[in-house]
Amino acid sequence: EYVASASVLAAIGALEAQSLAPATPLYDPNTNFDRIRHGPG
């Protein structure tokens, strides 16, 4: 069922982590950049 769901979502261009696992936090590139660029060191 999960593979079929992922296949359908991928086919329509809507495959995202939130579609398959709603509790998954979204990736924010700006937050990641700030964490790396202004992190320790």
ModelCIF file with pLDDT and N, C-alpha, C, O atoms, coordinates in Angstrom:
data_MODEL
#
_entry.id   MODEL 
#
_entity.id                         1 
_entity.type                       polymer 
_entity.pdbx_number_of_molecules   1 
#
_entity_poly.entity_id                      1 
_entity_poly.type                           'polypeptide(L)' 
_entity_poly.nstd_linkage                   no 
_entity_poly.nstd_monomer                   no 
_entity_poly.pdbx_seq_one_letter_code       EYVASASVLAAIGALEAQSLAPATPLYDPNTNFDRIRHGPG 
_entity_poly.pdbx_seq_one_letter_code_can   EYVASASVLAAIGALEAQSLAPATPLYDPNTNFDRIRHGPG 
_entity_poly.pdbx_strand_id                 A 
#
loop_
_entity_poly_seq.entity_id 
_entity_poly_seq.num 
_entity_poly_seq.mon_id 
_entity_poly_seq.hetero 
1 1  GLU n 
1 2  TYR n 
1 3  VAL n 
1 4  ALA n 
1 5  SER n 
1 6  ALA n 
1 7  SER n 
1 8  VAL n 
1 9  LEU n 
1 10 ALA n 
1 11 ALA n 
1 12 ILE n 
1 13 GLY n 
1 14 ALA n 
1 15 LEU n 
1 16 GLU n 
1 17 ALA n 
1 18 GLN n 
1 19 SER n 
1 20 LEU n 
1 21 ALA n 
1 22 PRO n 
1 23 ALA n 
1 24 THR n 
1 25 PRO n 
1 26 LEU n 
1 27 TYR n 
1 28 ASP n 
1 29 PRO n 
1 30 ASN n 
1 31 THR n 
1 32 ASN n 
1 33 PHE n 
1 34 ASP n 
1 35 ARG n 
1 36 ILE n 
1 37 ARG n 
1 38 HIS n 
1 39 GLY n 
1 40 PRO n 
1 41 GLY n 
#
_struct_asym.id          A 
_struct_asym.entity_id   1 
#
loop_
_ma_qa_metric.id 
_ma_qa_metric.mode 
_ma_qa_metric.name 
_ma_qa_metric.software_group_id 
_ma_qa_metric.type 
1 global pLDDT . pLDDT 
2 local  pLDDT . pLDDT 
#
_ma_qa_metric_global.metric_id      1 
_ma_qa_metric_global.metric_value   84.20 
_ma_qa_metric_global.model_id       1 
_ma_qa_metric_global.ordinal_id     1 
#
loop_
_ma_qa_metric_local.label_asym_id 
_ma_qa_metric_local.label_comp_id 
_ma_qa_metric_local.label_seq_id 
_ma_qa_metric_local.metric_id 
_ma_qa_metric_local.metric_value 
_ma_qa_metric_local.model_id 
_ma_qa_metric_local.ordinal_id 
A GLU 1  2 86.00 1 1  
A TYR 2  2 81.00 1 2  
A VAL 3  2 88.00 1 3  
A ALA 4  2 89.00 1 4  
A SER 5  2 83.00 1 5  
A ALA 6  2 85.00 1 6  
A SER 7  2 90.00 1 7  
A VAL 8  2 91.00 1 8  
A LEU 9  2 87.00 1 9  
A ALA 10 2 89.00 1 10 
A ALA 11 2 92.00 1 11 
A ILE 12 2 92.00 1 12 
A GLY 13 2 88.00 1 13 
A ALA 14 2 86.00 1 14 
A LEU 15 2 85.00 1 15 
A GLU 16 2 83.00 1 16 
A ALA 17 2 80.00 1 17 
A GLN 18 2 79.00 1 18 
A SER 19 2 76.00 1 19 
A LEU 20 2 77.00 1 20 
A ALA 21 2 81.00 1 21 
A PRO 22 2 84.00 1 22 
A ALA 23 2 86.00 1 23 
A THR 24 2 82.00 1 24 
A PRO 25 2 83.00 1 25 
A LEU 26 2 82.00 1 26 
A TYR 27 2 84.00 1 27 
A ASP 28 2 87.00 1 28 
A PRO 29 2 90.00 1 29 
A ASN 30 2 91.00 1 30 
A THR 31 2 89.00 1 31 
A ASN 32 2 87.00 1 32 
A PHE 33 2 87.00 1 33 
A ASP 34 2 85.00 1 34 
A ARG 35 2 83.00 1 35 
A ILE 36 2 81.00 1 36 
A ARG 37 2 79.00 1 37 
A HIS 38 2 77.00 1 38 
A GLY 39 2 75.00 1 39 
A PRO 40 2 78.00 1 40 
A GLY 41 2 74.00 1 41 
#
loop_
_atom_site.group_PDB 
_atom_site.id 
_atom_site.type_symbol 
_atom_site.label_atom_id 
_atom_site.label_alt_id 
_atom_site.label_comp_id 
_atom_site.label_asym_id 
_atom_site.label_entity_id 
_atom_site.label_seq_id 
_atom_site.pdbx_PDB_ins_code 
_atom_site.Cartn_x 
_atom_site.Cartn_y 
_atom_site.Cartn_z 
_atom_site.occupancy 
_atom_site.B_iso_or_equiv 
_atom_site.pdbx_formal_charge 
_atom_site.auth_seq_id 
_atom_site.auth_comp_id 
_atom_site.auth_asym_id 
_atom_site.auth_atom_id 
_atom_site.pdbx_PDB_model_num 
ATOM 1   N N  . GLU A 1 1  ? 0.821  -1.185 0.000   1.00 86.00 ? 1  GLU A N  1 
ATOM 2   C CA . GLU A 1 1  ? 0.000  0.000  0.000   1.00 86.00 ? 1  GLU A CA 1 
ATOM 3   C C  . GLU A 1 1  ? 0.875  1.262  0.000   1.00 86.00 ? 1  GLU A C  1 
ATOM 4   O O  . GLU A 1 1  ? 0.587  2.226  -0.709  1.00 86.00 ? 1  GLU A O  1 
ATOM 5   N N  . TYR A 1 2  ? 1.946  1.241  0.805   1.00 81.00 ? 2  TYR A N  1 
ATOM 6   C CA . TYR A 1 2  ? 2.829  2.412  0.853   1.00 81.00 ? 2  TYR A CA 1 
ATOM 7   C C  . TYR A 1 2  ? 3.542  2.630  -0.486  1.00 81.00 ? 2  TYR A C  1 
ATOM 8   O O  . TYR A 1 2  ? 3.669  3.761  -0.954  1.00 81.00 ? 2  TYR A O  1 
ATOM 9   N N  . VAL A 1 3  ? 3.995  1.559  -1.080  1.00 88.00 ? 3  VAL A N  1 
ATOM 10  C CA . VAL A 1 3  ? 4.691  1.667  -2.366  1.00 88.00 ? 3  VAL A CA 1 
ATOM 11  C C  . VAL A 1 3  ? 3.731  2.160  -3.439  1.00 88.00 ? 3  VAL A C  1 
ATOM 12  O O  . VAL A 1 3  ? 4.097  2.998  -4.263  1.00 88.00 ? 3  VAL A O  1 
ATOM 13  N N  . ALA A 1 4  ? 2.521  1.653  -3.434  1.00 89.00 ? 4  ALA A N  1 
ATOM 14  C CA . ALA A 1 4  ? 1.529  2.093  -4.415  1.00 89.00 ? 4  ALA A CA 1 
ATOM 15  C C  . ALA A 1 4  ? 1.195  3.570  -4.202  1.00 89.00 ? 4  ALA A C  1 
ATOM 16  O O  . ALA A 1 4  ? 1.077  4.328  -5.164  1.00 89.00 ? 4  ALA A O  1 
ATOM 17  N N  . SER A 1 5  ? 1.044  3.974  -2.944  1.00 83.00 ? 5  SER A N  1 
ATOM 18  C CA . SER A 1 5  ? 0.767  5.390  -2.649  1.00 83.00 ? 5  SER A CA 1 
ATOM 19  C C  . SER A 1 5  ? 1.908  6.274  -3.124  1.00 83.00 ? 5  SER A C  1 
ATOM 20  O O  . SER A 1 5  ? 1.686  7.318  -3.737  1.00 83.00 ? 5  SER A O  1 
ATOM 21  N N  . ALA A 1 6  ? 3.132  5.845  -2.835  1.00 85.00 ? 6  ALA A N  1 
ATOM 22  C CA . ALA A 1 6  ? 4.288  6.630  -3.253  1.00 85.00 ? 6  ALA A CA 1 
ATOM 23  C C  . ALA A 1 6  ? 4.382  6.692  -4.770  1.00 85.00 ? 6  ALA A C  1 
ATOM 24  O O  . ALA A 1 6  ? 4.739  7.733  -5.321  1.00 85.00 ? 6  ALA A O  1 
ATOM 25  N N  . SER A 1 7  ? 4.075  5.623  -5.439  1.00 90.00 ? 7  SER A N  1 
ATOM 26  C CA . SER A 1 7  ? 4.132  5.600  -6.898  1.00 90.00 ? 7  SER A CA 1 
ATOM 27  C C  . SER A 1 7  ? 3.121  6.564  -7.507  1.00 90.00 ? 7  SER A C  1 
ATOM 28  O O  . SER A 1 7  ? 3.441  7.291  -8.448  1.00 90.00 ? 7  SER A O  1 
ATOM 29  N N  . VAL A 1 8  ? 1.915  6.570  -6.977  1.00 91.00 ? 8  VAL A N  1 
ATOM 30  C CA . VAL A 1 8  ? 0.878  7.474  -7.489  1.00 91.00 ? 8  VAL A CA 1 
ATOM 31  C C  . VAL A 1 8  ? 1.267  8.921  -7.218  1.00 91.00 ? 8  VAL A C  1 
ATOM 32  O O  . VAL A 1 8  ? 1.155  9.770  -8.102  1.00 91.00 ? 8  VAL A O  1 
ATOM 33  N N  . LEU A 1 9  ? 1.724  9.208  -5.995  1.00 87.00 ? 9  LEU A N  1 
ATOM 34  C CA . LEU A 1 9  ? 2.116  10.581 -5.668  1.00 87.00 ? 9  LEU A CA 1 
ATOM 35  C C  . LEU A 1 9  ? 3.302  11.036 -6.517  1.00 87.00 ? 9  LEU A C  1 
ATOM 36  O O  . LEU A 1 9  ? 3.354  12.190 -6.942  1.00 87.00 ? 9  LEU A O  1 
ATOM 37  N N  . ALA A 1 10 ? 4.248  10.140 -6.764  1.00 89.00 ? 10 ALA A N  1 
ATOM 38  C CA . ALA A 1 10 ? 5.394  10.491 -7.607  1.00 89.00 ? 10 ALA A CA 1 
ATOM 39  C C  . ALA A 1 10 ? 4.945  10.750 -9.037  1.00 89.00 ? 10 ALA A C  1 
ATOM 40  O O  . ALA A 1 10 ? 5.466  11.651 -9.695  1.00 89.00 ? 10 ALA A O  1 
ATOM 41  N N  . ALA A 1 11 ? 3.997  9.981  -9.519  1.00 92.00 ? 11 ALA A N  1 
ATOM 42  C CA . ALA A 1 11 ? 3.518  10.135 -10.889 1.00 92.00 ? 11 ALA A CA 1 
ATOM 43  C C  . ALA A 1 11 ? 2.844  11.485 -11.105 1.00 92.00 ? 11 ALA A C  1 
ATOM 44  O O  . ALA A 1 11 ? 2.934  12.057 -12.191 1.00 92.00 ? 11 ALA A O  1 
ATOM 45  N N  . ILE A 1 12 ? 2.171  11.997 -10.079 1.00 92.00 ? 12 ILE A N  1 
ATOM 46  C CA . ILE A 1 12 ? 1.491  13.299 -10.223 1.00 92.00 ? 12 ILE A CA 1 
ATOM 47  C C  . ILE A 1 12 ? 2.350  14.452 -9.706  1.00 92.00 ? 12 ILE A C  1 
ATOM 48  O O  . ILE A 1 12 ? 1.913  15.603 -9.700  1.00 92.00 ? 12 ILE A O  1 
ATOM 49  N N  . GLY A 1 13 ? 3.587  14.137 -9.266  1.00 88.00 ? 13 GLY A N  1 
ATOM 50  C CA . GLY A 1 13 ? 4.501  15.189 -8.819  1.00 88.00 ? 13 GLY A CA 1 
ATOM 51  C C  . GLY A 1 13 ? 4.204  15.720 -7.440  1.00 88.00 ? 13 GLY A C  1 
ATOM 52  O O  . GLY A 1 13 ? 4.578  16.850 -7.127  1.00 88.00 ? 13 GLY A O  1 
ATOM 53  N N  . ALA A 1 14 ? 3.541  14.942 -6.603  1.00 86.00 ? 14 ALA A N  1 
ATOM 54  C CA . ALA A 1 14 ? 3.184  15.406 -5.263  1.00 86.00 ? 14 ALA A CA 1 
ATOM 55  C C  . ALA A 1 14 ? 3.801  14.547 -4.170  1.00 86.00 ? 14 ALA A C  1 
ATOM 56  O O  . ALA A 1 14 ? 3.301  14.537 -3.045  1.00 86.00 ? 14 ALA A O  1 
ATOM 57  N N  . LEU A 1 15 ? 4.870  13.830 -4.472  1.00 85.00 ? 15 LEU A N  1 
ATOM 58  C CA . LEU A 1 15 ? 5.500  12.970 -3.482  1.00 85.00 ? 15 LEU A CA 1 
ATOM 59  C C  . LEU A 1 15 ? 6.333  13.816 -2.533  1.00 85.00 ? 15 LEU A C  1 
ATOM 60  O O  . LEU A 1 15 ? 7.359  14.374 -2.924  1.00 85.00 ? 15 LEU A O  1 
ATOM 61  N N  . GLU A 1 16 ? 5.895  13.908 -1.305  1.00 83.00 ? 16 GLU A N  1 
ATOM 62  C CA . GLU A 1 16 ? 6.591  14.642 -0.250  1.00 83.00 ? 16 GLU A CA 1 
ATOM 63  C C  . GLU A 1 16 ? 6.560  13.803 1.011   1.00 83.00 ? 16 GLU A C  1 
ATOM 64  O O  . GLU A 1 16 ? 5.715  12.919 1.153   1.00 83.00 ? 16 GLU A O  1 
ATOM 65  N N  . ALA A 1 17 ? 7.460  14.071 1.908   1.00 80.00 ? 17 ALA A N  1 
ATOM 66  C CA . ALA A 1 17 ? 7.527  13.308 3.159   1.00 80.00 ? 17 ALA A CA 1 
ATOM 67  C C  . ALA A 1 17 ? 6.223  13.459 3.945   1.00 80.00 ? 17 ALA A C  1 
ATOM 68  O O  . ALA A 1 17 ? 5.773  12.508 4.584   1.00 80.00 ? 17 ALA A O  1 
ATOM 69  N N  . GLN A 1 18 ? 5.622  14.633 3.903   1.00 79.00 ? 18 GLN A N  1 
ATOM 70  C CA . GLN A 1 18 ? 4.381  14.866 4.647   1.00 79.00 ? 18 GLN A CA 1 
ATOM 71  C C  . GLN A 1 18 ? 3.238  13.999 4.141   1.00 79.00 ? 18 GLN A C  1 
ATOM 72  O O  . GLN A 1 18 ? 2.320  13.689 4.900   1.00 79.00 ? 18 GLN A O  1 
ATOM 73  N N  . SER A 1 19 ? 3.276  13.607 2.884   1.00 76.00 ? 19 SER A N  1 
ATOM 74  C CA . SER A 1 19 ? 2.228  12.762 2.324   1.00 76.00 ? 19 SER A CA 1 
ATOM 75  C C  . SER A 1 19 ? 2.278  11.350 2.895   1.00 76.00 ? 19 SER A C  1 
ATOM 76  O O  . SER A 1 19 ? 1.244  10.719 3.115   1.00 76.00 ? 19 SER A O  1 
ATOM 77  N N  . LEU A 1 20 ? 3.502  10.861 3.133   1.00 77.00 ? 20 LEU A N  1 
ATOM 78  C CA . LEU A 1 20 ? 3.663  9.494  3.607   1.00 77.00 ? 20 LEU A CA 1 
ATOM 79  C C  . LEU A 1 20 ? 3.782  9.396  5.124   1.00 77.00 ? 20 LEU A C  1 
ATOM 80  O O  . LEU A 1 20 ? 3.329  8.418  5.717   1.00 77.00 ? 20 LEU A O  1 
ATOM 81  N N  . ALA A 1 21 ? 4.382  10.391 5.751   1.00 81.00 ? 21 ALA A N  1 
ATOM 82  C CA . ALA A 1 21 ? 4.562  10.396 7.204   1.00 81.00 ? 21 ALA A CA 1 
ATOM 83  C C  . ALA A 1 21 ? 4.278  11.805 7.714   1.00 81.00 ? 21 ALA A C  1 
ATOM 84  O O  . ALA A 1 21 ? 5.181  12.640 7.761   1.00 81.00 ? 21 ALA A O  1 
ATOM 85  N N  . PRO A 1 22 ? 3.031  12.074 8.094   1.00 84.00 ? 22 PRO A N  1 
ATOM 86  C CA . PRO A 1 22 ? 2.642  13.442 8.476   1.00 84.00 ? 22 PRO A CA 1 
ATOM 87  C C  . PRO A 1 22 ? 3.434  14.029 9.640   1.00 84.00 ? 22 PRO A C  1 
ATOM 88  O O  . PRO A 1 22 ? 3.535  15.251 9.743   1.00 84.00 ? 22 PRO A O  1 
ATOM 89  N N  . ALA A 1 23 ? 3.999  13.203 10.519  1.00 86.00 ? 23 ALA A N  1 
ATOM 90  C CA . ALA A 1 23 ? 4.732  13.717 11.670  1.00 86.00 ? 23 ALA A CA 1 
ATOM 91  C C  . ALA A 1 23 ? 6.165  14.121 11.333  1.00 86.00 ? 23 ALA A C  1 
ATOM 92  O O  . ALA A 1 23 ? 6.879  14.628 12.197  1.00 86.00 ? 23 ALA A O  1 
ATOM 93  N N  . THR A 1 24 ? 6.592  13.907 10.102  1.00 82.00 ? 24 THR A N  1 
ATOM 94  C CA . THR A 1 24 ? 7.954  14.236 9.688   1.00 82.00 ? 24 THR A CA 1 
ATOM 95  C C  . THR A 1 24 ? 8.113  15.741 9.578   1.00 82.00 ? 24 THR A C  1 
ATOM 96  O O  . THR A 1 24 ? 7.315  16.398 8.911   1.00 82.00 ? 24 THR A O  1 
ATOM 97  N N  . PRO A 1 25 ? 9.158  16.311 10.240  1.00 83.00 ? 25 PRO A N  1 
ATOM 98  C CA . PRO A 1 25 ? 9.359  17.762 10.120  1.00 83.00 ? 25 PRO A CA 1 
ATOM 99  C C  . PRO A 1 25 ? 9.842  18.116 8.712   1.00 83.00 ? 25 PRO A C  1 
ATOM 100 O O  . PRO A 1 25 ? 10.581 17.353 8.090   1.00 83.00 ? 25 PRO A O  1 
ATOM 101 N N  . LEU A 1 26 ? 9.421  19.268 8.223   1.00 82.00 ? 26 LEU A N  1 
ATOM 102 C CA . LEU A 1 26 ? 9.816  19.718 6.893   1.00 82.00 ? 26 LEU A CA 1 
ATOM 103 C C  . LEU A 1 26 ? 11.244 20.248 6.903   1.00 82.00 ? 26 LEU A C  1 
ATOM 104 O O  . LEU A 1 26 ? 11.676 20.852 7.885   1.00 82.00 ? 26 LEU A O  1 
ATOM 105 N N  . TYR A 1 27 ? 11.963 20.030 5.836   1.00 84.00 ? 27 TYR A N  1 
ATOM 106 C CA . TYR A 1 27 ? 13.321 20.549 5.674   1.00 84.00 ? 27 TYR A CA 1 
ATOM 107 C C  . TYR A 1 27 ? 13.249 21.993 5.230   1.00 84.00 ? 27 TYR A C  1 
ATOM 108 O O  . TYR A 1 27 ? 12.581 22.319 4.249   1.00 84.00 ? 27 TYR A O  1 
ATOM 109 N N  . ASP A 1 28 ? 13.937 22.857 5.955   1.00 87.00 ? 28 ASP A N  1 
ATOM 110 C CA . ASP A 1 28 ? 13.996 24.268 5.601   1.00 87.00 ? 28 ASP A CA 1 
ATOM 111 C C  . ASP A 1 28 ? 15.441 24.614 5.250   1.00 87.00 ? 28 ASP A C  1 
ATOM 112 O O  . ASP A 1 28 ? 16.296 24.632 6.135   1.00 87.00 ? 28 ASP A O  1 
ATOM 113 N N  . PRO A 1 29 ? 15.733 24.891 3.972   1.00 90.00 ? 29 PRO A N  1 
ATOM 114 C CA . PRO A 1 29 ? 17.120 25.152 3.580   1.00 90.00 ? 29 PRO A CA 1 
ATOM 115 C C  . PRO A 1 29 ? 17.717 26.375 4.270   1.00 90.00 ? 29 PRO A C  1 
ATOM 116 O O  . PRO A 1 29 ? 18.915 26.386 4.551   1.00 90.00 ? 29 PRO A O  1 
ATOM 117 N N  . ASN A 1 30 ? 16.921 27.400 4.551   1.00 91.00 ? 30 ASN A N  1 
ATOM 118 C CA . ASN A 1 30 ? 17.451 28.590 5.215   1.00 91.00 ? 30 ASN A CA 1 
ATOM 119 C C  . ASN A 1 30 ? 17.884 28.280 6.647   1.00 91.00 ? 30 ASN A C  1 
ATOM 120 O O  . ASN A 1 30 ? 18.926 28.750 7.103   1.00 91.00 ? 30 ASN A O  1 
ATOM 121 N N  . THR A 1 31 ? 17.085 27.497 7.342   1.00 89.00 ? 31 THR A N  1 
ATOM 122 C CA . THR A 1 31 ? 17.446 27.110 8.702   1.00 89.00 ? 31 THR A CA 1 
ATOM 123 C C  . THR A 1 31 ? 18.713 26.270 8.694   1.00 89.00 ? 31 THR A C  1 
ATOM 124 O O  . THR A 1 31 ? 19.591 26.456 9.536   1.00 89.00 ? 31 THR A O  1 
ATOM 125 N N  . ASN A 1 32 ? 18.809 25.352 7.751   1.00 87.00 ? 32 ASN A N  1 
ATOM 126 C CA . ASN A 1 32 ? 20.000 24.516 7.662   1.00 87.00 ? 32 ASN A CA 1 
ATOM 127 C C  . ASN A 1 32 ? 21.228 25.361 7.325   1.00 87.00 ? 32 ASN A C  1 
ATOM 128 O O  . ASN A 1 32 ? 22.297 25.142 7.895   1.00 87.00 ? 32 ASN A O  1 
ATOM 129 N N  . PHE A 1 33 ? 21.096 26.310 6.419   1.00 87.00 ? 33 PHE A N  1 
ATOM 130 C CA . PHE A 1 33 ? 22.212 27.183 6.067   1.00 87.00 ? 33 PHE A CA 1 
ATOM 131 C C  . PHE A 1 33 ? 22.682 27.963 7.290   1.00 87.00 ? 33 PHE A C  1 
ATOM 132 O O  . PHE A 1 33 ? 23.881 28.036 7.563   1.00 87.00 ? 33 PHE A O  1 
ATOM 133 N N  . ASP A 1 34 ? 21.734 28.548 8.027   1.00 85.00 ? 34 ASP A N  1 
ATOM 134 C CA . ASP A 1 34 ? 22.097 29.309 9.225   1.00 85.00 ? 34 ASP A CA 1 
ATOM 135 C C  . ASP A 1 34 ? 22.771 28.420 10.263  1.00 85.00 ? 34 ASP A C  1 
ATOM 136 O O  . ASP A 1 34 ? 23.711 28.849 10.932  1.00 85.00 ? 34 ASP A O  1 
ATOM 137 N N  . ARG A 1 35 ? 22.300 27.190 10.399  1.00 83.00 ? 35 ARG A N  1 
ATOM 138 C CA . ARG A 1 35 ? 22.884 26.268 11.376  1.00 83.00 ? 35 ARG A CA 1 
ATOM 139 C C  . ARG A 1 35 ? 24.322 25.936 11.004  1.00 83.00 ? 35 ARG A C  1 
ATOM 140 O O  . ARG A 1 35 ? 25.196 25.894 11.869  1.00 83.00 ? 35 ARG A O  1 
ATOM 141 N N  . ILE A 1 36 ? 24.567 25.703 9.722   1.00 81.00 ? 36 ILE A N  1 
ATOM 142 C CA . ILE A 1 36 ? 25.910 25.351 9.279   1.00 81.00 ? 36 ILE A CA 1 
ATOM 143 C C  . ILE A 1 36 ? 26.819 26.580 9.264   1.00 81.00 ? 36 ILE A C  1 
ATOM 144 O O  . ILE A 1 36 ? 27.945 26.528 9.759   1.00 81.00 ? 36 ILE A O  1 
ATOM 145 N N  . ARG A 1 37 ? 26.339 27.664 8.705   1.00 79.00 ? 37 ARG A N  1 
ATOM 146 C CA . ARG A 1 37 ? 27.167 28.855 8.523   1.00 79.00 ? 37 ARG A CA 1 
ATOM 147 C C  . ARG A 1 37 ? 27.497 29.540 9.842   1.00 79.00 ? 37 ARG A C  1 
ATOM 148 O O  . ARG A 1 37 ? 28.604 30.050 10.013  1.00 79.00 ? 37 ARG A O  1 
ATOM 149 N N  . HIS A 1 38 ? 26.556 29.557 10.771  1.00 77.00 ? 38 HIS A N  1 
ATOM 150 C CA . HIS A 1 38 ? 26.750 30.283 12.020  1.00 77.00 ? 38 HIS A CA 1 
ATOM 151 C C  . HIS A 1 38 ? 26.835 29.347 13.219  1.00 77.00 ? 38 HIS A C  1 
ATOM 152 O O  . HIS A 1 38 ? 26.631 29.766 14.358  1.00 77.00 ? 38 HIS A O  1 
ATOM 153 N N  . GLY A 1 39 ? 27.134 28.098 12.960  1.00 75.00 ? 39 GLY A N  1 
ATOM 154 C CA . GLY A 1 39 ? 27.241 27.110 14.036  1.00 75.00 ? 39 GLY A CA 1 
ATOM 155 C C  . GLY A 1 39 ? 28.576 27.214 14.748  1.00 75.00 ? 39 GLY A C  1 
ATOM 156 O O  . GLY A 1 39 ? 29.354 28.133 14.488  1.00 75.00 ? 39 GLY A O  1 
ATOM 157 N N  . PRO A 1 40 ? 28.846 26.278 15.646  1.00 78.00 ? 40 PRO A N  1 
ATOM 158 C CA . PRO A 1 40 ? 30.117 26.285 16.373  1.00 78.00 ? 40 PRO A CA 1 
ATOM 159 C C  . PRO A 1 40 ? 31.300 26.225 15.413  1.00 78.00 ? 40 PRO A C  1 
ATOM 160 O O  . PRO A 1 40 ? 31.295 25.466 14.444  1.00 78.00 ? 40 PRO A O  1 
ATOM 161 N N  . GLY A 1 41 ? 32.289 27.020 15.694  1.00 74.00 ? 41 GLY A N  1 
ATOM 162 C CA . GLY A 1 41 ? 33.479 27.038 14.854  1.00 74.00 ? 41 GLY A CA 1 
ATOM 163 C C  . GLY A 1 41 ? 33.472 28.140 13.810  1.00 74.00 ? 41 GLY A C  1 
ATOM 164 O O  . GLY A 1 41 ? 34.421 28.263 13.036  1.00 74.00 ? 41 GLY A O  1 
#
